[in-house]
C-alpha atoms as a PDB file:
ATOM      1  CA  ILE A   1       0.000   0.000   0.000  1.00  0.00           C
ATOM      2  CA  PHE A   2       2.738   2.463   0.923  1.00  0.00           C
ATOM      3  CA  GLN A   3       5.438   1.491  -1.589  1.00  0.00           C
ATOM      4  CA  GLY A   4       4.056   3.501  -4.502  1.00  0.00           C
ATOM      5  CA  ALA A   5       3.502   6.551  -2.313  1.00  0.00           C
ATOM      6  CA  GLY A   6       6.999   6.097  -0.898  1.00  0.00           C
ATOM      7  CA  ARG A   7       8.558   6.044  -4.363  1.00  0.00           C
ATOM      8  CA  ARG A   8       6.644   9.193  -5.326  1.00  0.00           C
ATOM      9  CA  ALA A   9       7.477  11.032  -2.091  1.00  0.00           C
ATOM     10  CA  GLY A  10      11.100   9.880  -2.006  1.00  0.00           C
ATOM     11  CA  TRP A  11      13.631  10.959   0.598  1.00  0.00           C
ATOM     12  CA  GLU A  12      14.559  14.298  -0.937  1.00  0.00           C
ATOM     13  CA  PRO A  13      12.307  17.342  -1.254  1.00  0.00           C
ATOM     14  CA  ARG A  14      11.640  18.693  -4.722  1.00  0.00           C
ATOM     15  CA  PRO A  15      11.672  22.381  -5.606  1.00  0.00           C
ATOM     16  CA  GLY A  16       8.366  24.071  -4.857  1.00  0.00           C
ATOM     17  CA  GLU A  17       7.119  21.480  -2.381  1.00  0.00           C
ATOM     18  CA  GLY A  18       4.987  22.676   0.492  1.00  0.00           C
ATOM     19  CA  HIS A  19       4.687  21.589   4.093  1.00  0.00           C
ATOM     20  CA  LEU A  20       2.034  19.008   3.224  1.00  0.00           C
ATOM     21  CA  ASP A  21       4.500  17.287   0.877  1.00  0.00           C
ATOM     22  CA  ALA A  22       7.051  17.125   3.700  1.00  0.00           C
ATOM     23  CA  LEU A  23       4.397  15.739   6.039  1.00  0.00           C
ATOM     24  CA  LEU A  24       3.358  13.131   3.474  1.00  0.00           C
ATOM     25  CA  ARG A  25       7.003  12.125   2.972  1.00  0.00           C
ATOM     26  CA  SER A  26       7.648  11.617   6.679  1.00  0.00           C
ATOM     27  CA  THR A  27       4.353   9.760   7.170  1.00  0.00           C
ATOM     28  CA  VAL A  28       4.835   7.407   4.220  1.00  0.00           C
ATOM     29  CA  LEU A  29       8.482   6.667   5.033  1.00  0.00           C
ATOM     30  CA  THR A  30       7.627   6.014   8.679  1.00  0.00           C
ATOM     31  CA  GLU A  31       4.885   3.572   7.702  1.00  0.00           C
ATOM     32  CA  LEU A  32       7.120   1.814   5.187  1.00  0.00           C
ATOM     33  CA  GLY A  33       9.731   1.336   7.890  1.00  0.00           C
ATOM     34  CA  ASN A  34       7.167   0.270  10.471  1.00  0.00           C
ATOM     35  CA  TYR A  35       5.921  -2.392   8.072  1.00  0.00           C
ATOM     36  CA  GLY A  36       9.465  -3.667   7.590  1.00  0.00           C
ATOM     37  CA  ASP A  37      10.303  -2.347   4.121  1.00  0.00           C
ATOM     38  CA  GLN A  38      13.990  -3.264   3.983  1.00  0.00           C
ATOM     39  CA  GLY A  39      14.979  -0.551   1.516  1.00  0.00           C
ATOM     40  CA  THR A  40      13.453   2.127   3.730  1.00  0.00           C
ATOM     41  CA  LEU A  41      15.093   0.710   6.865  1.00  0.00           C
ATOM     42  CA  ASP A  42      18.464   0.507   5.111  1.00  0.00           C
ATOM     43  CA  GLU A  43      18.199   4.080   3.869  1.00  0.00           C
ATOM     44  CA  ALA A  44      17.232   5.327   7.330  1.00  0.00           C
ATOM     45  CA  ALA A  45      20.227   3.537   8.861  1.00  0.00           C
ATOM     46  CA  ALA A  46      22.556   5.021   6.226  1.00  0.00           C
ATOM     47  CA  ARG A  47      21.173   8.503   6.807  1.00  0.00           C
ATOM     48  CA  PHE A  48      21.552   8.099  10.559  1.00  0.00           C
ATOM     49  CA  ALA A  49      25.201   7.096  10.098  1.00  0.00           C
ATOM     50  CA  ARG A  50      25.744  10.232   8.002  1.00  0.00           C
ATOM     51  CA  TYR A  51      23.948  12.324  10.625  1.00  0.00           C
ATOM     52  CA  VAL A  52      26.300  11.056  13.343  1.00  0.00           C
ATOM     53  CA  GLU A  53      29.192  12.447  11.276  1.00  0.00           C
ATOM     54  CA  ASP A  54      27.424  15.592  10.062  1.00  0.00           C
ATOM     55  CA  GLU A  55      24.252  16.774  11.802  1.00  0.00           C
ATOM     56  CA  THR A  56      23.357  19.001   8.862  1.00  0.00           C
ATOM     57  CA  SER A  57      23.072  15.993   6.535  1.00  0.00           C
ATOM     58  CA  VAL A  58      19.476  15.201   7.558  1.00  0.00           C
ATOM     59  CA  PRO A  59      16.837  17.934   7.318  1.00  0.00           C
ATOM     60  CA  ALA A  60      14.868  18.589  10.501  1.00  0.00           C
ATOM     61  CA  ASP A  61      11.591  17.351   9.011  1.00  0.00           C
ATOM     62  CA  LEU A  62      13.104  13.890   8.388  1.00  0.00           C
ATOM     63  CA  ARG A  63      15.037  13.455  11.623  1.00  0.00           C
ATOM     64  CA  SER A  64      12.226  11.751  13.534  1.00  0.00           C
ATOM     65  CA  VAL A  65      11.817   9.299  10.653  1.00  0.00           C
ATOM     66  CA  VAL A  66      15.544   8.625  10.351  1.00  0.00           C
ATOM     67  CA  PHE A  67      16.135   8.320  14.103  1.00  0.00           C
ATOM     68  CA  GLY A  68      13.091   6.140  14.725  1.00  0.00           C
ATOM     69  CA  LEU A  69      13.723   3.734  11.864  1.00  0.00           C
ATOM     70  CA  ALA A  70      17.452   3.524  12.600  1.00  0.00           C
ATOM     71  CA  ALA A  71      16.524   2.566  16.163  1.00  0.00           C
ATOM     72  CA  LYS A  72      13.960  -0.008  15.029  1.00  0.00           C
ATOM     73  CA  ARG A  73      16.688  -2.225  13.624  1.00  0.00           C
ATOM     74  CA  GLY A  74      19.567  -0.706  15.561  1.00  0.00           C
ATOM     75  CA  ASP A  75      22.131  -2.385  17.763  1.00  0.00           C
ATOM     76  CA  ARG A  76      24.222  -1.288  20.746  1.00  0.00           C
ATOM     77  CA  SER A  77      26.397   1.045  18.658  1.00  0.00           C
ATOM     78  CA  THR A  78      23.327   2.827  17.248  1.00  0.00           C
ATOM     79  CA  TYR A  79      21.910   3.037  20.753  1.00  0.00           C
ATOM     80  CA  ASP A  80      25.084   4.523  22.219  1.00  0.00           C
ATOM     81  CA  ALA A  81      25.328   6.992  19.343  1.00  0.00           C
ATOM     82  CA  MET A  82      21.762   8.168  19.998  1.00  0.00           C
ATOM     83  CA  TRP A  83      22.450   8.714  23.680  1.00  0.00           C
ATOM     84  CA  GLY A  84      25.578  10.684  22.784  1.00  0.00           C
ATOM     85  CA  LEU A  85      23.647  12.838  20.322  1.00  0.00           C
ATOM     86  CA  GLN A  86      20.885  13.385  22.863  1.00  0.00           C
ATOM     87  CA  ARG A  87      23.367  14.556  25.494  1.00  0.00           C
ATOM     88  CA  ARG A  88      25.059  16.964  23.065  1.00  0.00           C
ATOM     89  CA  ALA A  89      21.865  18.349  21.540  1.00  0.00           C
ATOM     90  CA  THR A  90      21.255  21.971  22.422  1.00  0.00           C
ATOM     91  CA  LEU A  91      17.680  22.191  21.133  1.00  0.00           C
ATOM     92  CA  GLN A  92      14.959  20.571  23.233  1.00  0.00           C
ATOM     93  CA  GLU A  93      13.122  19.492  20.078  1.00  0.00           C
ATOM     94  CA  GLU A  94      16.168  17.462  19.022  1.00  0.00           C
ATOM     95  CA  LYS A  95      16.477  15.896  22.475  1.00  0.00           C
ATOM     96  CA  VAL A  96      12.817  14.862  22.324  1.00  0.00           C
ATOM     97  CA  ARG A  97      13.251  13.308  18.868  1.00  0.00           C
ATOM     98  CA  LEU A  98      16.180  11.264  20.114  1.00  0.00           C
ATOM     99  CA  LEU A  99      14.544  10.255  23.411  1.00  0.00           C
ATOM    100  CA  SER A 100      11.447   9.094  21.550  1.00  0.00           C
ATOM    101  CA  SER A 101      13.612   7.117  19.136  1.00  0.00           C
ATOM    102  CA  LEU A 102      15.473   5.404  21.977  1.00  0.00           C
ATOM    103  CA  ALA A 103      12.150   3.767  22.841  1.00  0.00           C
ATOM    104  CA  ARG A 104      11.841   2.229  19.352  1.00  0.00           C
ATOM    105  CA  PHE A 105      14.661  -0.301  19.627  1.00  0.00           C
ATOM    106  CA  GLU A 106      13.641  -3.939  19.301  1.00  0.00           C
ATOM    107  CA  VAL A 107      16.325  -5.269  21.652  1.00  0.00           C
ATOM    108  CA  PRO A 108      14.721  -5.843  25.070  1.00  0.00           C
ATOM    109  CA  GLN A 109      17.933  -5.120  26.995  1.00  0.00           C
ATOM    110  CA  LEU A 110      18.223  -1.720  25.320  1.00  0.00           C
ATOM    111  CA  LEU A 111      14.615  -0.879  26.129  1.00  0.00           C
ATOM    112  CA  GLN A 112      15.180  -1.874  29.740  1.00  0.00           C
ATOM    113  CA  GLU A 113      18.286   0.301  29.856  1.00  0.00           C
ATOM    114  CA  THR A 114      16.317   3.213  28.401  1.00  0.00           C
ATOM    115  CA  LEU A 115      13.754   2.855  31.161  1.00  0.00           C
ATOM    116  CA  GLN A 116      16.447   2.791  33.836  1.00  0.00           C
ATOM    117  CA  ARG A 117      18.219   5.794  32.354  1.00  0.00           C
ATOM    118  CA  SER A 118      14.949   7.714  32.241  1.00  0.00           C
ATOM    119  CA  LEU A 119      15.227   8.163  36.019  1.00  0.00           C
ATOM    120  CA  ASP A 120      18.811   9.426  35.839  1.00  0.00           C
ATOM    121  CA  THR A 121      18.733  13.209  35.641  1.00  0.00           C
ATOM    122  CA  ALA A 122      22.177  13.166  34.030  1.00  0.00           C
ATOM    123  CA  ASP A 123      20.582  11.449  31.015  1.00  0.00           C
ATOM    124  CA  VAL A 124      16.968  12.634  31.006  1.00  0.00           C
ATOM    125  CA  ARG A 125      15.435  15.796  32.366  1.00  0.00           C
ATOM    126  CA  THR A 126      12.883  15.058  35.078  1.00  0.00           C
ATOM    127  CA  HIS A 127       9.952  16.302  33.035  1.00  0.00           C
ATOM    128  CA  ASP A 128      10.978  14.078  30.072  1.00  0.00           C
ATOM    129  CA  THR A 129      10.985  10.834  32.069  1.00  0.00           C
ATOM    130  CA  VAL A 130       7.266  10.308  31.555  1.00  0.00           C
ATOM    131  CA  ARG A 131       7.656  10.842  27.810  1.00  0.00           C
ATOM    132  CA  VAL A 132      10.354   8.149  27.681  1.00  0.00           C
ATOM    133  CA  VAL A 133       8.409   5.625  29.774  1.00  0.00           C
ATOM    134  CA  SER A 134       5.259   6.231  27.700  1.00  0.00           C
ATOM    135  CA  ALA A 135       7.230   5.840  24.470  1.00  0.00           C
ATOM    136  CA  VAL A 136       8.671   2.511  25.627  1.00  0.00           C
ATOM    137  CA  ALA A 137       5.139   1.425  26.590  1.00  0.00           C
ATOM    138  CA  SER A 138       3.962   2.175  23.045  1.00  0.00           C
ATOM    139  CA  ASN A 139       6.603  -0.220  21.666  1.00  0.00           C
ATOM    140  CA  ARG A 140       5.007  -3.682  21.455  1.00  0.00           C
ATOM    141  CA  LEU A 141       8.189  -5.189  22.910  1.00  0.00           C
ATOM    142  CA  GLY A 142       8.328  -2.643  25.722  1.00  0.00           C
ATOM    143  CA  ARG A 143       4.699  -2.581  26.862  1.00  0.00           C
ATOM    144  CA  ASP A 144       4.959  -5.070  29.720  1.00  0.00           C
ATOM    145  CA  MET A 145       8.469  -3.903  30.521  1.00  0.00           C
ATOM    146  CA  ALA A 146       7.264  -0.315  30.969  1.00  0.00           C
ATOM    147  CA  TRP A 147       4.377  -1.411  33.164  1.00  0.00           C
ATOM    148  CA  ASP A 148       6.724  -3.444  35.374  1.00  0.00           C
ATOM    149  CA  PHE A 149       9.055  -0.446  35.507  1.00  0.00           C
ATOM    150  CA  VAL A 150       6.260   1.858  36.642  1.00  0.00           C
ATOM    151  CA  LYS A 151       5.195  -0.595  39.347  1.00  0.00           C
ATOM    152  CA  SER A 152       8.780  -1.152  40.530  1.00  0.00           C
ATOM    153  CA  ASN A 153       9.567   2.549  40.600  1.00  0.00           C
ATOM    154  CA  TRP A 154       6.223   3.846  41.788  1.00  0.00           C
ATOM    155  CA  PRO A 155       7.569   5.514  44.970  1.00  0.00           C
ATOM    156  CA  GLU A 156      10.005   7.612  42.925  1.00  0.00           C
ATOM    157  CA  LEU A 157       7.487   8.361  40.194  1.00  0.00           C
ATOM    158  CA  ASP A 158       4.892   9.322  42.783  1.00  0.00           C
ATOM    159  CA  ARG A 159       7.427  11.564  44.510  1.00  0.00           C
ATOM    160  CA  ARG A 160       8.211  13.302  41.226  1.00  0.00           C
ATOM    161  CA  TYR A 161       4.769  13.517  39.680  1.00  0.00           C
ATOM    162  CA  GLY A 162       2.275  12.685  42.425  1.00  0.00           C
ATOM    163  CA  ASP A 163       0.831  16.160  42.588  1.00  0.00           C
ATOM    164  CA  GLY A 164      -1.901  14.989  40.218  1.00  0.00           C
ATOM    165  CA  LYS A 165      -0.841  16.873  37.146  1.00  0.00           C
ATOM    166  CA  PHE A 166      -0.667  15.714  33.541  1.00  0.00           C
ATOM    167  CA  ALA A 167       2.547  13.681  33.974  1.00  0.00           C
ATOM    168  CA  LEU A 168       0.956  11.309  36.461  1.00  0.00           C
ATOM    169  CA  MET A 169      -2.077  10.908  34.196  1.00  0.00           C
ATOM    170  CA  GLN A 170       0.252   9.944  31.310  1.00  0.00           C
ATOM    171  CA  LEU A 171       1.972   7.307  33.442  1.00  0.00           C
ATOM    172  CA  VAL A 172      -1.286   5.806  34.605  1.00  0.00           C
ATOM    173  CA  SER A 173      -2.616   5.767  31.033  1.00  0.00           C
ATOM    174  CA  ILE A 174      -0.005   3.187  29.979  1.00  0.00           C
ATOM    175  CA  THR A 175      -2.010   0.611  31.919  1.00  0.00           C
ATOM    176  CA  SER A 176      -4.569   0.658  29.106  1.00  0.00           C
END
């Protein structure tokens, strides 16, 4: 279903394209990768490798796609590179893209490590912890892991977010 649209959208913008074209491109490429299209996953991994060397090599509107799909099939080296990029990022939007992508790995040990690191303020700002835990919970491989993490770390999570605001509601919503 998505292959034809993916070929038409491509990875590179064409002159005169508008924001809807960019949105279509990122949506179609994300779906192709999510459905396991090997060419799309390979291209995302190659673009991520280039991004590690030169952060200007991937336009901002494709970074979520590239990061997320690189993580989907990524290994320990991809994981470590993402954490390094996240620590060095100066823009919050870039940090969020990378944190969300760290929850897309399909290696259970890496997802578990992401959950543990979400509580470490040296790695993740306190108000981003909930985003990371929720993102891991939305990964089919991380769903039960995230729920166990919330239960095991409830005293700390309650201490941080127990004032009844939106963060606590997000954590509780992963039970669904």
